[in-house]
Amino acid sequence: MGLEKLKSIDELRGLLEGHRAAGQRVVFTNGCFDLLHPGHIRYLREAAALGDLLVVAINSDASVRRLKGPRRPLQPEGERAEVLCALEMVRYVTIFDEETPLEVITALRPQVLVKGGDWAVGQIVGRDVVEAGGGRVYSLPFAPGYSTTELIRKVLEG
C-alpha cells in the first residue's frame, strides 16, 4: 500500500500520452531524495505549480552509491519512493538506474523540466530534449538552510 503512484518507465510512457492528449502539461524532476526535508517539499510544490502533473524520477540505490559514495543512500529506493508517493503534489514516481535522467527524459518527453538551484539551466541534463519538443526548462532556487548533506553531518556529530 502507498506505492500506487510508483510506475515503470514503460507504464509512465503510456499514462503520460493520455495526460498530454487531455491537454495536461507534464512536469518532470529527478534526484536522490534520500532524506526528505522542508527544502524538498517547497521545491516539489513549486515544480508541480509549473504544470498539471508532476513526475519525480529517483536514482536507484546503485545510482546513488555511484554519485554520492558507498555510505549512501541512507534509505533504500523503495522507501524513498514510498515517501514521495505520499506527497499530494507528486502524481507519479519512477526509479532509474543511470547516473543521469537523460534516458528517462527522452522516453517520457515532459513539457517542463525542473532542477534545483545548484544547476544552471544550460547544465540541466535533458534540456535539449525538452526544448526541442517545445518545452520549458527551469532551475528553481534552493530554500536556504536545507541540505541533506548538512542533516547527515548534524546527525553524525550528535
C-alpha atoms as a PDB file:
ATOM      1  CA  MET A   1       0.000   0.000   0.000  1.00  0.00           C
ATOM      2  CA  GLY A   2       1.150   3.538  -0.662  1.00  0.00           C
ATOM      3  CA  LEU A   3       3.019   2.770  -3.881  1.00  0.00           C
ATOM      4  CA  GLU A   4       0.149   3.186  -6.355  1.00  0.00           C
ATOM      5  CA  LYS A   5       1.959   6.171  -7.885  1.00  0.00           C
ATOM      6  CA  LEU A   6       5.172   4.193  -8.471  1.00  0.00           C
ATOM      7  CA  LYS A   7       5.367   3.264 -12.160  1.00  0.00           C
ATOM      8  CA  SER A   8       7.911   1.791 -14.536  1.00  0.00           C
ATOM      9  CA  ILE A   9       9.171   3.948 -17.390  1.00  0.00           C
ATOM     10  CA  ASP A  10       7.086   1.881 -19.835  1.00  0.00           C
ATOM     11  CA  GLU A  11       3.922   2.326 -17.743  1.00  0.00           C
ATOM     12  CA  LEU A  12       4.564   6.055 -17.480  1.00  0.00           C
ATOM     13  CA  ARG A  13       5.108   6.430 -21.203  1.00  0.00           C
ATOM     14  CA  GLY A  14       1.534   5.292 -21.852  1.00  0.00           C
ATOM     15  CA  LEU A  15      -0.011   7.163 -18.946  1.00  0.00           C
ATOM     16  CA  LEU A  16       1.650  10.443 -19.916  1.00  0.00           C
ATOM     17  CA  GLU A  17       0.480  10.111 -23.517  1.00  0.00           C
ATOM     18  CA  GLY A  18      -3.063  10.084 -22.149  1.00  0.00           C
ATOM     19  CA  HIS A  19      -2.439  13.134 -19.965  1.00  0.00           C
ATOM     20  CA  ARG A  20      -0.892  15.061 -22.856  1.00  0.00           C
ATOM     21  CA  ALA A  21      -3.807  14.084 -25.123  1.00  0.00           C
ATOM     22  CA  ALA A  22      -6.113  15.566 -22.464  1.00  0.00           C
ATOM     23  CA  GLY A  23      -4.169  18.851 -22.694  1.00  0.00           C
ATOM     24  CA  GLN A  24      -2.232  18.456 -19.453  1.00  0.00           C
ATOM     25  CA  ARG A  25       1.332  19.753 -19.051  1.00  0.00           C
ATOM     26  CA  VAL A  26       3.727  17.153 -17.659  1.00  0.00           C
ATOM     27  CA  VAL A  27       6.408  18.446 -15.271  1.00  0.00           C
ATOM     28  CA  PHE A  28       9.466  16.284 -14.593  1.00  0.00           C
ATOM     29  CA  THR A  29      12.159  16.433 -11.954  1.00  0.00           C
ATOM     30  CA  ASN A  30      14.641  13.969 -10.562  1.00  0.00           C
ATOM     31  CA  GLY A  31      17.026  13.408  -7.685  1.00  0.00           C
ATOM     32  CA  CYS A  32      18.108  11.100  -4.894  1.00  0.00           C
ATOM     33  CA  PHE A  33      15.618  12.430  -2.302  1.00  0.00           C
ATOM     34  CA  ASP A  34      17.456  10.482   0.399  1.00  0.00           C
ATOM     35  CA  LEU A  35      16.247  12.414   3.464  1.00  0.00           C
ATOM     36  CA  LEU A  36      13.207  14.485   2.626  1.00  0.00           C
ATOM     37  CA  HIS A  37      13.254  17.906   4.303  1.00  0.00           C
ATOM     38  CA  PRO A  38      11.250  21.155   4.007  1.00  0.00           C
ATOM     39  CA  GLY A  39      13.513  22.375   1.196  1.00  0.00           C
ATOM     40  CA  HIS A  40      12.473  19.368  -0.882  1.00  0.00           C
ATOM     41  CA  ILE A  41       8.791  19.937  -0.130  1.00  0.00           C
ATOM     42  CA  ARG A  42       8.961  23.597  -1.158  1.00  0.00           C
ATOM     43  CA  TYR A  43      10.875  22.668  -4.322  1.00  0.00           C
ATOM     44  CA  LEU A  44       8.380  19.945  -5.294  1.00  0.00           C
ATOM     45  CA  ARG A  45       5.411  22.278  -4.715  1.00  0.00           C
ATOM     46  CA  GLU A  46       6.997  24.958  -6.865  1.00  0.00           C
ATOM     47  CA  ALA A  47       7.828  22.421  -9.578  1.00  0.00           C
ATOM     48  CA  ALA A  48       4.281  20.999  -9.554  1.00  0.00           C
ATOM     49  CA  ALA A  49       2.844  24.509  -9.957  1.00  0.00           C
ATOM     50  CA  LEU A  50       4.582  24.802 -13.354  1.00  0.00           C
ATOM     51  CA  GLY A  51       2.189  22.321 -14.959  1.00  0.00           C
ATOM     52  CA  ASP A  52      -0.695  19.952 -14.405  1.00  0.00           C
ATOM     53  CA  LEU A  53       1.083  16.901 -13.017  1.00  0.00           C
ATOM     54  CA  LEU A  54       4.495  16.215 -11.534  1.00  0.00           C
ATOM     55  CA  VAL A  55       6.604  13.138 -12.285  1.00  0.00           C
ATOM     56  CA  VAL A  56       9.533  12.519  -9.932  1.00  0.00           C
ATOM     57  CA  ALA A  57      12.284  10.149 -11.023  1.00  0.00           C
ATOM     58  CA  ILE A  58      14.559   8.949  -8.228  1.00  0.00           C
ATOM     59  CA  ASN A  59      18.004   7.478  -8.561  1.00  0.00           C
ATOM     60  CA  SER A  60      18.194   3.771  -7.753  1.00  0.00           C
ATOM     61  CA  ASP A  61      20.315   2.691  -4.800  1.00  0.00           C
ATOM     62  CA  ALA A  62      23.160   1.691  -7.142  1.00  0.00           C
ATOM     63  CA  SER A  63      22.972   5.044  -8.916  1.00  0.00           C
ATOM     64  CA  VAL A  64      23.051   6.948  -5.605  1.00  0.00           C
ATOM     65  CA  ARG A  65      26.136   4.977  -4.494  1.00  0.00           C
ATOM     66  CA  ARG A  66      27.907   5.860  -7.740  1.00  0.00           C
ATOM     67  CA  LEU A  67      27.028   9.549  -7.311  1.00  0.00           C
ATOM     68  CA  LYS A  68      27.299  10.042  -3.538  1.00  0.00           C
ATOM     69  CA  GLY A  69      29.603   7.278  -2.323  1.00  0.00           C
ATOM     70  CA  PRO A  70      29.312   3.864  -0.645  1.00  0.00           C
ATOM     71  CA  ARG A  71      27.566   5.155   2.505  1.00  0.00           C
ATOM     72  CA  ARG A  72      24.554   6.455   0.583  1.00  0.00           C
ATOM     73  CA  PRO A  73      21.669   6.207   0.207  1.00  0.00           C
ATOM     74  CA  LEU A  74      20.562   6.201   3.814  1.00  0.00           C
ATOM     75  CA  GLN A  75      17.126   4.932   2.813  1.00  0.00           C
ATOM     76  CA  PRO A  76      16.606   2.258   0.155  1.00  0.00           C
ATOM     77  CA  GLU A  77      14.895   3.203  -3.102  1.00  0.00           C
ATOM     78  CA  GLY A  78      11.599   1.544  -2.173  1.00  0.00           C
ATOM     79  CA  GLU A  79      11.316   3.636   0.987  1.00  0.00           C
ATOM     80  CA  ARG A  80      12.346   6.841  -0.793  1.00  0.00           C
ATOM     81  CA  ALA A  81       9.722   6.108  -3.456  1.00  0.00           C
ATOM     82  CA  GLU A  82       7.056   5.443  -0.810  1.00  0.00           C
ATOM     83  CA  VAL A  83       7.686   8.797   0.876  1.00  0.00           C
ATOM     84  CA  LEU A  84       7.462  10.654  -2.441  1.00  0.00           C
ATOM     85  CA  CYS A  85       4.309   8.744  -3.409  1.00  0.00           C
ATOM     86  CA  ALA A  86       2.676  10.021  -0.202  1.00  0.00           C
ATOM     87  CA  LEU A  87       3.046  13.668  -1.253  1.00  0.00           C
ATOM     88  CA  GLU A  88      -0.057  15.296  -2.707  1.00  0.00           C
ATOM     89  CA  MET A  89       1.879  17.347  -5.275  1.00  0.00           C
ATOM     90  CA  VAL A  90       3.502  14.244  -6.816  1.00  0.00           C
ATOM     91  CA  ARG A  91       1.403  12.380  -9.398  1.00  0.00           C
ATOM     92  CA  TYR A  92       3.895   9.661 -10.370  1.00  0.00           C
ATOM     93  CA  VAL A  93       7.242   8.322  -9.187  1.00  0.00           C
ATOM     94  CA  THR A  94       9.703   6.184 -11.106  1.00  0.00           C
ATOM     95  CA  ILE A  95      13.162   4.795 -10.360  1.00  0.00           C
ATOM     96  CA  PHE A  96      16.100   4.922 -12.767  1.00  0.00           C
ATOM     97  CA  ASP A  97      19.500   3.254 -12.582  1.00  0.00           C
ATOM     98  CA  GLU A  98      21.591   5.523 -14.794  1.00  0.00           C
ATOM     99  CA  GLU A  99      23.740   8.326 -13.386  1.00  0.00           C
ATOM    100  CA  THR A 100      21.689  10.911 -15.288  1.00  0.00           C
ATOM    101  CA  PRO A 101      17.981  11.001 -16.158  1.00  0.00           C
ATOM    102  CA  LEU A 102      18.594  11.563 -19.885  1.00  0.00           C
ATOM    103  CA  GLU A 103      17.123   8.215 -20.955  1.00  0.00           C
ATOM    104  CA  VAL A 104      14.048   8.763 -18.761  1.00  0.00           C
ATOM    105  CA  ILE A 105      13.512  12.291 -20.072  1.00  0.00           C
ATOM    106  CA  THR A 106      13.892  11.082 -23.654  1.00  0.00           C
ATOM    107  CA  ALA A 107      11.361   8.293 -23.048  1.00  0.00           C
ATOM    108  CA  LEU A 108       8.787  10.424 -21.183  1.00  0.00           C
ATOM    109  CA  ARG A 109       9.055  13.708 -23.143  1.00  0.00           C
ATOM    110  CA  PRO A 110       7.871  16.092 -20.395  1.00  0.00           C
ATOM    111  CA  GLN A 111       6.817  19.588 -21.401  1.00  0.00           C
ATOM    112  CA  VAL A 112       8.515  21.072 -18.327  1.00  0.00           C
ATOM    113  CA  LEU A 113      11.865  20.026 -16.854  1.00  0.00           C
ATOM    114  CA  VAL A 114      12.863  21.305 -13.420  1.00  0.00           C
ATOM    115  CA  LYS A 115      16.032  21.070 -11.320  1.00  0.00           C
ATOM    116  CA  GLY A 116      17.236  22.780  -8.162  1.00  0.00           C
ATOM    117  CA  GLY A 117      19.273  25.937  -7.981  1.00  0.00           C
ATOM    118  CA  ASP A 118      22.607  24.146  -7.982  1.00  0.00           C
ATOM    119  CA  TRP A 119      22.028  23.555 -11.703  1.00  0.00           C
ATOM    120  CA  ALA A 120      22.238  26.415 -14.193  1.00  0.00           C
ATOM    121  CA  VAL A 121      19.597  25.983 -16.910  1.00  0.00           C
ATOM    122  CA  GLY A 122      22.321  25.397 -19.512  1.00  0.00           C
ATOM    123  CA  GLN A 123      23.739  22.495 -17.472  1.00  0.00           C
ATOM    124  CA  ILE A 124      20.471  20.649 -16.852  1.00  0.00           C
ATOM    125  CA  VAL A 125      20.587  17.157 -18.315  1.00  0.00           C
ATOM    126  CA  GLY A 126      17.791  16.699 -20.846  1.00  0.00           C
ATOM    127  CA  ARG A 127      17.355  20.411 -21.538  1.00  0.00           C
ATOM    128  CA  ASP A 128      17.991  19.939 -25.247  1.00  0.00           C
ATOM    129  CA  VAL A 129      15.404  17.129 -25.463  1.00  0.00           C
ATOM    130  CA  VAL A 130      12.685  19.142 -23.699  1.00  0.00           C
ATOM    131  CA  GLU A 131      13.366  22.372 -25.565  1.00  0.00           C
ATOM    132  CA  ALA A 132      13.460  20.522 -28.921  1.00  0.00           C
ATOM    133  CA  GLY A 133       9.907  19.376 -28.152  1.00  0.00           C
ATOM    134  CA  GLY A 134       8.803  22.954 -27.438  1.00  0.00           C
ATOM    135  CA  GLY A 135       9.040  22.580 -23.644  1.00  0.00           C
ATOM    136  CA  ARG A 136      10.498  24.776 -20.917  1.00  0.00           C
ATOM    137  CA  VAL A 137      13.380  24.194 -18.501  1.00  0.00           C
ATOM    138  CA  TYR A 138      13.650  25.802 -15.057  1.00  0.00           C
ATOM    139  CA  SER A 139      16.267  25.986 -12.325  1.00  0.00           C
ATOM    140  CA  LEU A 140      14.427  26.710  -9.073  1.00  0.00           C
ATOM    141  CA  PRO A 141      16.229  28.412  -6.191  1.00  0.00           C
ATOM    142  CA  PHE A 142      17.021  26.400  -3.085  1.00  0.00           C
ATOM    143  CA  ALA A 143      15.217  27.109   0.157  1.00  0.00           C
ATOM    144  CA  PRO A 144      18.054  28.465   2.302  1.00  0.00           C
ATOM    145  CA  GLY A 145      19.158  26.407   5.272  1.00  0.00           C
ATOM    146  CA  TYR A 146      18.189  22.953   3.998  1.00  0.00           C
ATOM    147  CA  SER A 147      20.619  20.294   2.837  1.00  0.00           C
ATOM    148  CA  THR A 148      20.606  16.506   3.108  1.00  0.00           C
ATOM    149  CA  THR A 149      24.396  16.521   3.448  1.00  0.00           C
ATOM    150  CA  GLU A 150      24.128  19.046   6.296  1.00  0.00           C
ATOM    151  CA  LEU A 151      21.457  16.946   8.029  1.00  0.00           C
ATOM    152  CA  ILE A 152      23.720  13.898   7.842  1.00  0.00           C
ATOM    153  CA  ARG A 153      26.623  15.917   9.268  1.00  0.00           C
ATOM    154  CA  LYS A 154      24.490  17.099  12.192  1.00  0.00           C
ATOM    155  CA  VAL A 155      23.361  13.558  13.000  1.00  0.00           C
ATOM    156  CA  LEU A 156      26.904  12.191  12.899  1.00  0.00           C
ATOM    157  CA  GLU A 157      28.216  14.978  15.128  1.00  0.00           C
ATOM    158  CA  GLY A 158      25.453  14.298  17.649  1.00  0.00           C
END
